[in-house]
């Protein structure tokens, strides 16, 4: 669910990804960047989903167990923020000026997808025994 929502958020690609896609000069015969972009978006989405979103959703749900959905969501977003910073830092974006735009974009898209996950995982009325 959250991976599908995350992929749908890339219908509007981030500006920093578009800048990367069109860095080759026009007329260059090796300028396959727009075609590579079609492959890079799903791969980046899948990588973010596996390395950040799934662990954040599971850990956020575990940290917020027996609490409200909003606490679970906040825990998941906090974990996702820390994990995504580690992922971007390990990819070589190690200055705040270079890491902030992709990190902020990933957090907005990831938060939307985590909200979908938390909405599906919320306790249904009557599914939790009273007490």
C-alpha atoms as a PDB file:
ATOM      1  CA  UNK A   1       0.000   0.000   0.000  1.00  0.00           C
ATOM      2  CA  UNK A   2       2.600   2.562   1.055  1.00  0.00           C
ATOM      3  CA  UNK A   3       4.897   1.672  -1.848  1.00  0.00           C
ATOM      4  CA  UNK A   4       2.067   2.222  -4.325  1.00  0.00           C
ATOM      5  CA  UNK A   5       1.188   5.573  -2.767  1.00  0.00           C
ATOM      6  CA  UNK A   6       4.873   6.533  -2.804  1.00  0.00           C
ATOM      7  CA  UNK A   7       5.140   5.676  -6.498  1.00  0.00           C
ATOM      8  CA  UNK A   8       2.011   7.701  -7.240  1.00  0.00           C
ATOM      9  CA  UNK A   9       3.579  10.771  -5.639  1.00  0.00           C
ATOM     10  CA  UNK A  10       6.255  10.621  -8.351  1.00  0.00           C
ATOM     11  CA  UNK A  11       3.660  11.460 -11.006  1.00  0.00           C
ATOM     12  CA  UNK A  12       4.956  14.949 -10.228  1.00  0.00           C
ATOM     13  CA  UNK A  13       8.729  14.366 -10.239  1.00  0.00           C
ATOM     14  CA  UNK A  14      10.919  16.355  -7.852  1.00  0.00           C
ATOM     15  CA  UNK A  15      12.773  19.331  -9.316  1.00  0.00           C
ATOM     16  CA  UNK A  16      16.163  18.033  -8.210  1.00  0.00           C
ATOM     17  CA  UNK A  17      15.566  14.807 -10.150  1.00  0.00           C
ATOM     18  CA  UNK A  18      14.520  16.740 -13.237  1.00  0.00           C
ATOM     19  CA  UNK A  19      17.705  18.799 -13.001  1.00  0.00           C
ATOM     20  CA  UNK A  20      19.759  15.605 -12.910  1.00  0.00           C
ATOM     21  CA  UNK A  21      17.838  14.148 -15.860  1.00  0.00           C
ATOM     22  CA  UNK A  22      18.620  17.068 -18.137  1.00  0.00           C
ATOM     23  CA  UNK A  23      22.267  17.758 -17.272  1.00  0.00           C
ATOM     24  CA  UNK A  24      23.599  16.379 -20.564  1.00  0.00           C
ATOM     25  CA  UNK A  25      24.053  18.896 -23.360  1.00  0.00           C
ATOM     26  CA  UNK A  26      21.543  18.867 -26.231  1.00  0.00           C
ATOM     27  CA  UNK A  27      22.679  16.950 -29.286  1.00  0.00           C
ATOM     28  CA  UNK A  28      24.889  14.590 -27.304  1.00  0.00           C
ATOM     29  CA  UNK A  29      24.308  11.079 -28.755  1.00  0.00           C
ATOM     30  CA  UNK A  30      24.817   9.545 -25.293  1.00  0.00           C
ATOM     31  CA  UNK A  31      22.146  11.796 -23.775  1.00  0.00           C
ATOM     32  CA  UNK A  32      19.800   9.075 -22.631  1.00  0.00           C
ATOM     33  CA  UNK A  33      19.114  10.830 -19.347  1.00  0.00           C
ATOM     34  CA  UNK A  34      15.347  11.265 -19.920  1.00  0.00           C
ATOM     35  CA  UNK A  35      15.038   7.528 -20.675  1.00  0.00           C
ATOM     36  CA  UNK A  36      17.197   6.648 -17.687  1.00  0.00           C
ATOM     37  CA  UNK A  37      14.932   8.898 -15.635  1.00  0.00           C
ATOM     38  CA  UNK A  38      12.013   6.566 -16.405  1.00  0.00           C
ATOM     39  CA  UNK A  39      14.014   3.743 -14.852  1.00  0.00           C
ATOM     40  CA  UNK A  40      15.588   5.800 -12.063  1.00  0.00           C
ATOM     41  CA  UNK A  41      12.305   6.942 -10.515  1.00  0.00           C
ATOM     42  CA  UNK A  42      10.889   3.447  -9.857  1.00  0.00           C
ATOM     43  CA  UNK A  43      14.302   2.220  -8.676  1.00  0.00           C
ATOM     44  CA  UNK A  44      14.745   5.182  -6.330  1.00  0.00           C
ATOM     45  CA  UNK A  45      11.182   4.689  -5.120  1.00  0.00           C
ATOM     46  CA  UNK A  46      11.767   0.976  -4.465  1.00  0.00           C
ATOM     47  CA  UNK A  47      15.063   1.694  -2.721  1.00  0.00           C
ATOM     48  CA  UNK A  48      13.486   4.323  -0.474  1.00  0.00           C
ATOM     49  CA  UNK A  49      10.560   2.003   0.230  1.00  0.00           C
ATOM     50  CA  UNK A  50      12.807  -0.885   1.309  1.00  0.00           C
ATOM     51  CA  UNK A  51      15.484   1.047   3.200  1.00  0.00           C
ATOM     52  CA  UNK A  52      13.369   3.738   4.860  1.00  0.00           C
ATOM     53  CA  UNK A  53       9.636   3.355   4.563  1.00  0.00           C
ATOM     54  CA  UNK A  54       9.086  -0.282   5.558  1.00  0.00           C
ATOM     55  CA  UNK A  55      11.387  -0.118   8.620  1.00  0.00           C
ATOM     56  CA  UNK A  56       9.903   3.261   9.630  1.00  0.00           C
ATOM     57  CA  UNK A  57       6.330   2.002   9.329  1.00  0.00           C
ATOM     58  CA  UNK A  58       7.029  -1.155  11.302  1.00  0.00           C
ATOM     59  CA  UNK A  59       9.117   0.576  13.960  1.00  0.00           C
ATOM     60  CA  UNK A  60       6.669   3.490  14.200  1.00  0.00           C
ATOM     61  CA  UNK A  61       3.756   1.096  14.666  1.00  0.00           C
ATOM     62  CA  UNK A  62       5.729  -0.802  17.305  1.00  0.00           C
ATOM     63  CA  UNK A  63       6.835   2.368  19.141  1.00  0.00           C
ATOM     64  CA  UNK A  64       3.296   3.716  19.090  1.00  0.00           C
ATOM     65  CA  UNK A  65       1.579   0.477  20.060  1.00  0.00           C
ATOM     66  CA  UNK A  66      -1.432   0.935  22.309  1.00  0.00           C
ATOM     67  CA  UNK A  67      -1.427   4.633  21.441  1.00  0.00           C
ATOM     68  CA  UNK A  68      -3.324   6.746  18.963  1.00  0.00           C
ATOM     69  CA  UNK A  69      -2.785   6.555  15.217  1.00  0.00           C
ATOM     70  CA  UNK A  70      -1.356  10.080  15.308  1.00  0.00           C
ATOM     71  CA  UNK A  71       1.371   8.980  17.758  1.00  0.00           C
ATOM     72  CA  UNK A  72       2.143   5.969  15.537  1.00  0.00           C
ATOM     73  CA  UNK A  73       2.343   8.246  12.499  1.00  0.00           C
ATOM     74  CA  UNK A  74       4.589  10.731  14.311  1.00  0.00           C
ATOM     75  CA  UNK A  75       6.880   7.923  15.440  1.00  0.00           C
ATOM     76  CA  UNK A  76       7.046   6.522  11.916  1.00  0.00           C
ATOM     77  CA  UNK A  77       7.851   9.941  10.413  1.00  0.00           C
ATOM     78  CA  UNK A  78      10.574  10.562  13.012  1.00  0.00           C
ATOM     79  CA  UNK A  79      12.155   7.183  12.270  1.00  0.00           C
ATOM     80  CA  UNK A  80      11.824   7.811   8.516  1.00  0.00           C
ATOM     81  CA  UNK A  81      13.540  11.178   8.909  1.00  0.00           C
ATOM     82  CA  UNK A  82      16.500   9.644  10.682  1.00  0.00           C
ATOM     83  CA  UNK A  83      16.770   6.688   8.289  1.00  0.00           C
ATOM     84  CA  UNK A  84      16.500   8.843   5.180  1.00  0.00           C
ATOM     85  CA  UNK A  85      19.217  11.175   6.480  1.00  0.00           C
ATOM     86  CA  UNK A  86      21.461   8.146   6.959  1.00  0.00           C
ATOM     87  CA  UNK A  87      20.656   6.843   3.469  1.00  0.00           C
ATOM     88  CA  UNK A  88      21.304  10.190   1.759  1.00  0.00           C
ATOM     89  CA  UNK A  89      24.455  10.731   3.814  1.00  0.00           C
ATOM     90  CA  UNK A  90      25.752   7.285   2.792  1.00  0.00           C
ATOM     91  CA  UNK A  91      25.064   8.090  -0.873  1.00  0.00           C
ATOM     92  CA  UNK A  92      27.545  10.946  -0.703  1.00  0.00           C
ATOM     93  CA  UNK A  93      25.269  13.911  -0.071  1.00  0.00           C
ATOM     94  CA  UNK A  94      27.223  14.914   3.008  1.00  0.00           C
ATOM     95  CA  UNK A  95      26.713  18.678   3.110  1.00  0.00           C
ATOM     96  CA  UNK A  96      23.514  20.267   4.355  1.00  0.00           C
ATOM     97  CA  UNK A  97      23.137  22.364   1.208  1.00  0.00           C
ATOM     98  CA  UNK A  98      23.144  19.285  -1.006  1.00  0.00           C
ATOM     99  CA  UNK A  99      21.176  16.955   1.270  1.00  0.00           C
ATOM    100  CA  UNK A 100      18.330  19.246   2.333  1.00  0.00           C
ATOM    101  CA  UNK A 101      16.298  19.489  -0.931  1.00  0.00           C
ATOM    102  CA  UNK A 102      16.171  15.734  -1.677  1.00  0.00           C
ATOM    103  CA  UNK A 103      15.687  14.895   2.002  1.00  0.00           C
ATOM    104  CA  UNK A 104      12.783  17.334   2.383  1.00  0.00           C
ATOM    105  CA  UNK A 105      11.187  16.053  -0.813  1.00  0.00           C
ATOM    106  CA  UNK A 106      11.612  12.434   0.276  1.00  0.00           C
ATOM    107  CA  UNK A 107      10.113  13.238   3.675  1.00  0.00           C
ATOM    108  CA  UNK A 108       7.033  14.881   2.166  1.00  0.00           C
ATOM    109  CA  UNK A 109       6.473  11.998  -0.243  1.00  0.00           C
ATOM    110  CA  UNK A 110       7.290   9.410   2.417  1.00  0.00           C
ATOM    111  CA  UNK A 111       4.952  11.057   4.937  1.00  0.00           C
ATOM    112  CA  UNK A 112       2.089  10.892   2.457  1.00  0.00           C
ATOM    113  CA  UNK A 113       2.797   7.219   1.827  1.00  0.00           C
ATOM    114  CA  UNK A 114       3.199   6.491   5.569  1.00  0.00           C
ATOM    115  CA  UNK A 115      -0.139   8.202   6.186  1.00  0.00           C
ATOM    116  CA  UNK A 116      -1.694   5.721   3.756  1.00  0.00           C
ATOM    117  CA  UNK A 117      -0.018   2.854   5.597  1.00  0.00           C
ATOM    118  CA  UNK A 118      -1.166   4.110   8.989  1.00  0.00           C
ATOM    119  CA  UNK A 119      -4.685   4.602   7.651  1.00  0.00           C
ATOM    120  CA  UNK A 120      -4.790   0.952   6.567  1.00  0.00           C
ATOM    121  CA  UNK A 121      -3.223  -0.255   9.821  1.00  0.00           C
ATOM    122  CA  UNK A 122      -5.458   1.822  12.119  1.00  0.00           C
ATOM    123  CA  UNK A 123      -7.567  -0.085  14.622  1.00  0.00           C
ATOM    124  CA  UNK A 124     -11.027  -0.734  13.290  1.00  0.00           C
ATOM    125  CA  UNK A 125     -13.890  -0.048  15.718  1.00  0.00           C
ATOM    126  CA  UNK A 126     -14.672  -3.222  17.596  1.00  0.00           C
ATOM    127  CA  UNK A 127     -11.402  -4.933  16.614  1.00  0.00           C
ATOM    128  CA  UNK A 128      -9.635  -4.035  19.857  1.00  0.00           C
ATOM    129  CA  UNK A 129     -11.138  -5.570  22.985  1.00  0.00           C
ATOM    130  CA  UNK A 130     -12.237  -2.959  25.510  1.00  0.00           C
ATOM    131  CA  UNK A 131     -10.193  -2.534  28.634  1.00  0.00           C
END
